[in-house]
Amino acid sequence: MKKDNAPNQAIGMIILAAGASTRMGQPKQLLQIEGESLLQRAVRIALSTPYRPVVVVLGANREQIEPSLQGLEVLRVDNPDWATGMGGSIATGLAYLLQQAPECNRS
């Protein structure tokens, strides 16, 4: 089956960054690798693709994490129910992506 990635198709990306990292004891999203945080690395890789918008779902530790996104071409959305699990963050991110870029809603 041929994958159709025609340029006229609108495809967005969602990066999940709402977890509390309780077992780690610190926000995993901010761990440094080669001078950048894990989240910054994920965003940089996402932004290297033609897909837009890039939505970052935040939740736990938002106040600590959000400044690391400053100056990056991403949309941010808060999942107030982040503790209910990844499914809620996916739903929050998808709803926000479709609100901001309705052209991404296709069958």
C-alpha atoms as a PDB file:
ATOM      1  CA  MET A   1       0.000   0.000   0.000  1.00  0.00           C
ATOM      2  CA  LYS A   2       1.413   3.366  -1.027  1.00  0.00           C
ATOM      3  CA  LYS A   3       1.694   5.999   1.680  1.00  0.00           C
ATOM      4  CA  ASP A   4       0.304   9.284   0.381  1.00  0.00           C
ATOM      5  CA  ASN A   5       2.187  12.251   1.839  1.00  0.00           C
ATOM      6  CA  ALA A   6       1.199  14.777  -0.776  1.00  0.00           C
ATOM      7  CA  PRO A   7       2.178  18.342   0.184  1.00  0.00           C
ATOM      8  CA  ASN A   8      -1.444  19.487  -0.003  1.00  0.00           C
ATOM      9  CA  GLN A   9      -2.392  17.229   2.903  1.00  0.00           C
ATOM     10  CA  ALA A  10      -2.508  18.928   6.290  1.00  0.00           C
ATOM     11  CA  ILE A  11      -0.801  16.854   8.957  1.00  0.00           C
ATOM     12  CA  GLY A  12      -0.038  18.125  12.447  1.00  0.00           C
ATOM     13  CA  MET A  13       2.033  16.654  15.262  1.00  0.00           C
ATOM     14  CA  ILE A  14       1.335  16.209  18.965  1.00  0.00           C
ATOM     15  CA  ILE A  15       4.093  15.891  21.560  1.00  0.00           C
ATOM     16  CA  LEU A  16       2.989  14.566  24.938  1.00  0.00           C
ATOM     17  CA  ALA A  17       4.818  16.254  27.824  1.00  0.00           C
ATOM     18  CA  ALA A  18       2.209  16.221  30.595  1.00  0.00           C
ATOM     19  CA  GLY A  19       3.493  13.396  32.797  1.00  0.00           C
ATOM     20  CA  ALA A  20       4.704  13.917  36.358  1.00  0.00           C
ATOM     21  CA  SER A  21       7.815  11.686  36.133  1.00  0.00           C
ATOM     22  CA  THR A  22       7.147  10.548  39.711  1.00  0.00           C
ATOM     23  CA  ARG A  23       9.496   7.564  39.606  1.00  0.00           C
ATOM     24  CA  MET A  24      12.309   9.744  38.307  1.00  0.00           C
ATOM     25  CA  GLY A  25      11.797  12.430  40.947  1.00  0.00           C
ATOM     26  CA  GLN A  26      12.294  15.283  38.483  1.00  0.00           C
ATOM     27  CA  PRO A  27      10.637  16.340  35.221  1.00  0.00           C
ATOM     28  CA  LYS A  28      11.884  13.876  32.599  1.00  0.00           C
ATOM     29  CA  GLN A  29      11.040  16.436  29.935  1.00  0.00           C
ATOM     30  CA  LEU A  30      13.893  18.640  31.221  1.00  0.00           C
ATOM     31  CA  LEU A  31      16.646  16.003  31.333  1.00  0.00           C
ATOM     32  CA  GLN A  32      19.635  17.300  29.391  1.00  0.00           C
ATOM     33  CA  ILE A  33      21.213  15.413  26.513  1.00  0.00           C
ATOM     34  CA  GLU A  34      23.992  17.070  24.551  1.00  0.00           C
ATOM     35  CA  GLY A  35      22.994  20.565  25.652  1.00  0.00           C
ATOM     36  CA  GLU A  36      19.237  20.354  25.162  1.00  0.00           C
ATOM     37  CA  SER A  37      16.338  18.912  27.110  1.00  0.00           C
ATOM     38  CA  LEU A  38      14.481  15.801  25.980  1.00  0.00           C
ATOM     39  CA  LEU A  39      11.472  17.989  25.207  1.00  0.00           C
ATOM     40  CA  GLN A  40      13.531  20.514  23.243  1.00  0.00           C
ATOM     41  CA  ARG A  41      15.044  17.634  21.273  1.00  0.00           C
ATOM     42  CA  ALA A  42      11.590  16.194  20.483  1.00  0.00           C
ATOM     43  CA  VAL A  43      10.384  19.635  19.393  1.00  0.00           C
ATOM     44  CA  ARG A  44      13.492  20.258  17.266  1.00  0.00           C
ATOM     45  CA  ILE A  45      12.995  16.939  15.482  1.00  0.00           C
ATOM     46  CA  ALA A  46       9.275  17.637  14.983  1.00  0.00           C
ATOM     47  CA  LEU A  47      10.037  21.089  13.580  1.00  0.00           C
ATOM     48  CA  SER A  48      12.519  19.584  11.117  1.00  0.00           C
ATOM     49  CA  THR A  49       9.567  17.940   9.352  1.00  0.00           C
ATOM     50  CA  PRO A  50       7.063  19.689   7.063  1.00  0.00           C
ATOM     51  CA  TYR A  51       4.186  18.879   9.424  1.00  0.00           C
ATOM     52  CA  ARG A  52       2.394  21.736  11.168  1.00  0.00           C
ATOM     53  CA  PRO A  53       1.158  22.668  13.619  1.00  0.00           C
ATOM     54  CA  VAL A  54       3.248  21.062  16.337  1.00  0.00           C
ATOM     55  CA  VAL A  55       1.243  20.923  19.572  1.00  0.00           C
ATOM     56  CA  VAL A  56       2.899  20.267  22.932  1.00  0.00           C
ATOM     57  CA  VAL A  57       0.567  18.962  25.648  1.00  0.00           C
ATOM     58  CA  LEU A  58       1.657  20.099  29.108  1.00  0.00           C
ATOM     59  CA  GLY A  59       0.292  19.166  32.520  1.00  0.00           C
ATOM     60  CA  ALA A  60       2.320  18.294  35.610  1.00  0.00           C
ATOM     61  CA  ASN A  61       5.243  20.637  36.276  1.00  0.00           C
ATOM     62  CA  ARG A  62       4.017  23.009  33.565  1.00  0.00           C
ATOM     63  CA  GLU A  63       5.577  26.019  35.306  1.00  0.00           C
ATOM     64  CA  GLN A  64       9.011  24.369  35.165  1.00  0.00           C
ATOM     65  CA  ILE A  65       8.670  22.933  31.664  1.00  0.00           C
ATOM     66  CA  GLU A  66       6.992  25.698  29.657  1.00  0.00           C
ATOM     67  CA  PRO A  67       9.959  28.130  29.730  1.00  0.00           C
ATOM     68  CA  SER A  68      12.032  25.537  27.838  1.00  0.00           C
ATOM     69  CA  LEU A  69       9.659  26.023  24.881  1.00  0.00           C
ATOM     70  CA  GLN A  70      10.222  29.771  24.677  1.00  0.00           C
ATOM     71  CA  GLY A  71      11.088  30.881  21.161  1.00  0.00           C
ATOM     72  CA  LEU A  72      10.064  27.572  19.574  1.00  0.00           C
ATOM     73  CA  GLU A  73       7.362  27.466  16.889  1.00  0.00           C
ATOM     74  CA  VAL A  74       4.937  25.244  18.814  1.00  0.00           C
ATOM     75  CA  LEU A  75       1.432  25.547  20.143  1.00  0.00           C
ATOM     76  CA  ARG A  76       1.000  24.750  23.834  1.00  0.00           C
ATOM     77  CA  VAL A  77      -2.060  23.334  25.513  1.00  0.00           C
ATOM     78  CA  ASP A  78      -2.616  22.415  29.145  1.00  0.00           C
ATOM     79  CA  ASN A  79      -4.196  19.104  30.098  1.00  0.00           C
ATOM     80  CA  PRO A  80      -5.672  19.818  33.537  1.00  0.00           C
ATOM     81  CA  ASP A  81      -6.514  16.104  33.863  1.00  0.00           C
ATOM     82  CA  TRP A  82      -2.976  14.888  33.100  1.00  0.00           C
ATOM     83  CA  ALA A  83      -3.075  12.515  36.096  1.00  0.00           C
ATOM     84  CA  THR A  84      -5.777  10.395  34.422  1.00  0.00           C
ATOM     85  CA  GLY A  85      -3.234   9.094  31.928  1.00  0.00           C
ATOM     86  CA  MET A  86      -1.852   9.395  28.445  1.00  0.00           C
ATOM     87  CA  GLY A  87      -5.230   8.934  26.741  1.00  0.00           C
ATOM     88  CA  GLY A  88      -6.468  12.215  28.174  1.00  0.00           C
ATOM     89  CA  SER A  89      -3.367  14.003  26.918  1.00  0.00           C
ATOM     90  CA  ILE A  90      -3.828  12.535  23.450  1.00  0.00           C
ATOM     91  CA  ALA A  91      -7.474  13.664  23.429  1.00  0.00           C
ATOM     92  CA  THR A  92      -6.533  17.138  24.698  1.00  0.00           C
ATOM     93  CA  GLY A  93      -3.786  17.509  22.104  1.00  0.00           C
ATOM     94  CA  LEU A  94      -5.933  16.276  19.234  1.00  0.00           C
ATOM     95  CA  ALA A  95      -8.870  18.524  20.155  1.00  0.00           C
ATOM     96  CA  TYR A  96      -6.553  21.543  20.343  1.00  0.00           C
ATOM     97  CA  LEU A  97      -4.791  20.663  17.097  1.00  0.00           C
ATOM     98  CA  LEU A  98      -8.122  20.394  15.262  1.00  0.00           C
ATOM     99  CA  GLN A  99      -9.333  23.645  16.831  1.00  0.00           C
ATOM    100  CA  GLN A 100      -6.205  25.487  15.677  1.00  0.00           C
ATOM    101  CA  ALA A 101      -5.842  23.702  12.323  1.00  0.00           C
ATOM    102  CA  PRO A 102      -9.245  22.344  11.212  1.00  0.00           C
ATOM    103  CA  GLU A 103      -7.719  21.440   7.838  1.00  0.00           C
ATOM    104  CA  CYS A 104      -6.039  18.510   9.631  1.00  0.00           C
ATOM    105  CA  ASN A 105      -9.470  16.913  10.140  1.00  0.00           C
ATOM    106  CA  ARG A 106      -9.905  14.543   7.236  1.00  0.00           C
ATOM    107  CA  SER A 107     -11.183  11.026   6.800  1.00  0.00           C
END
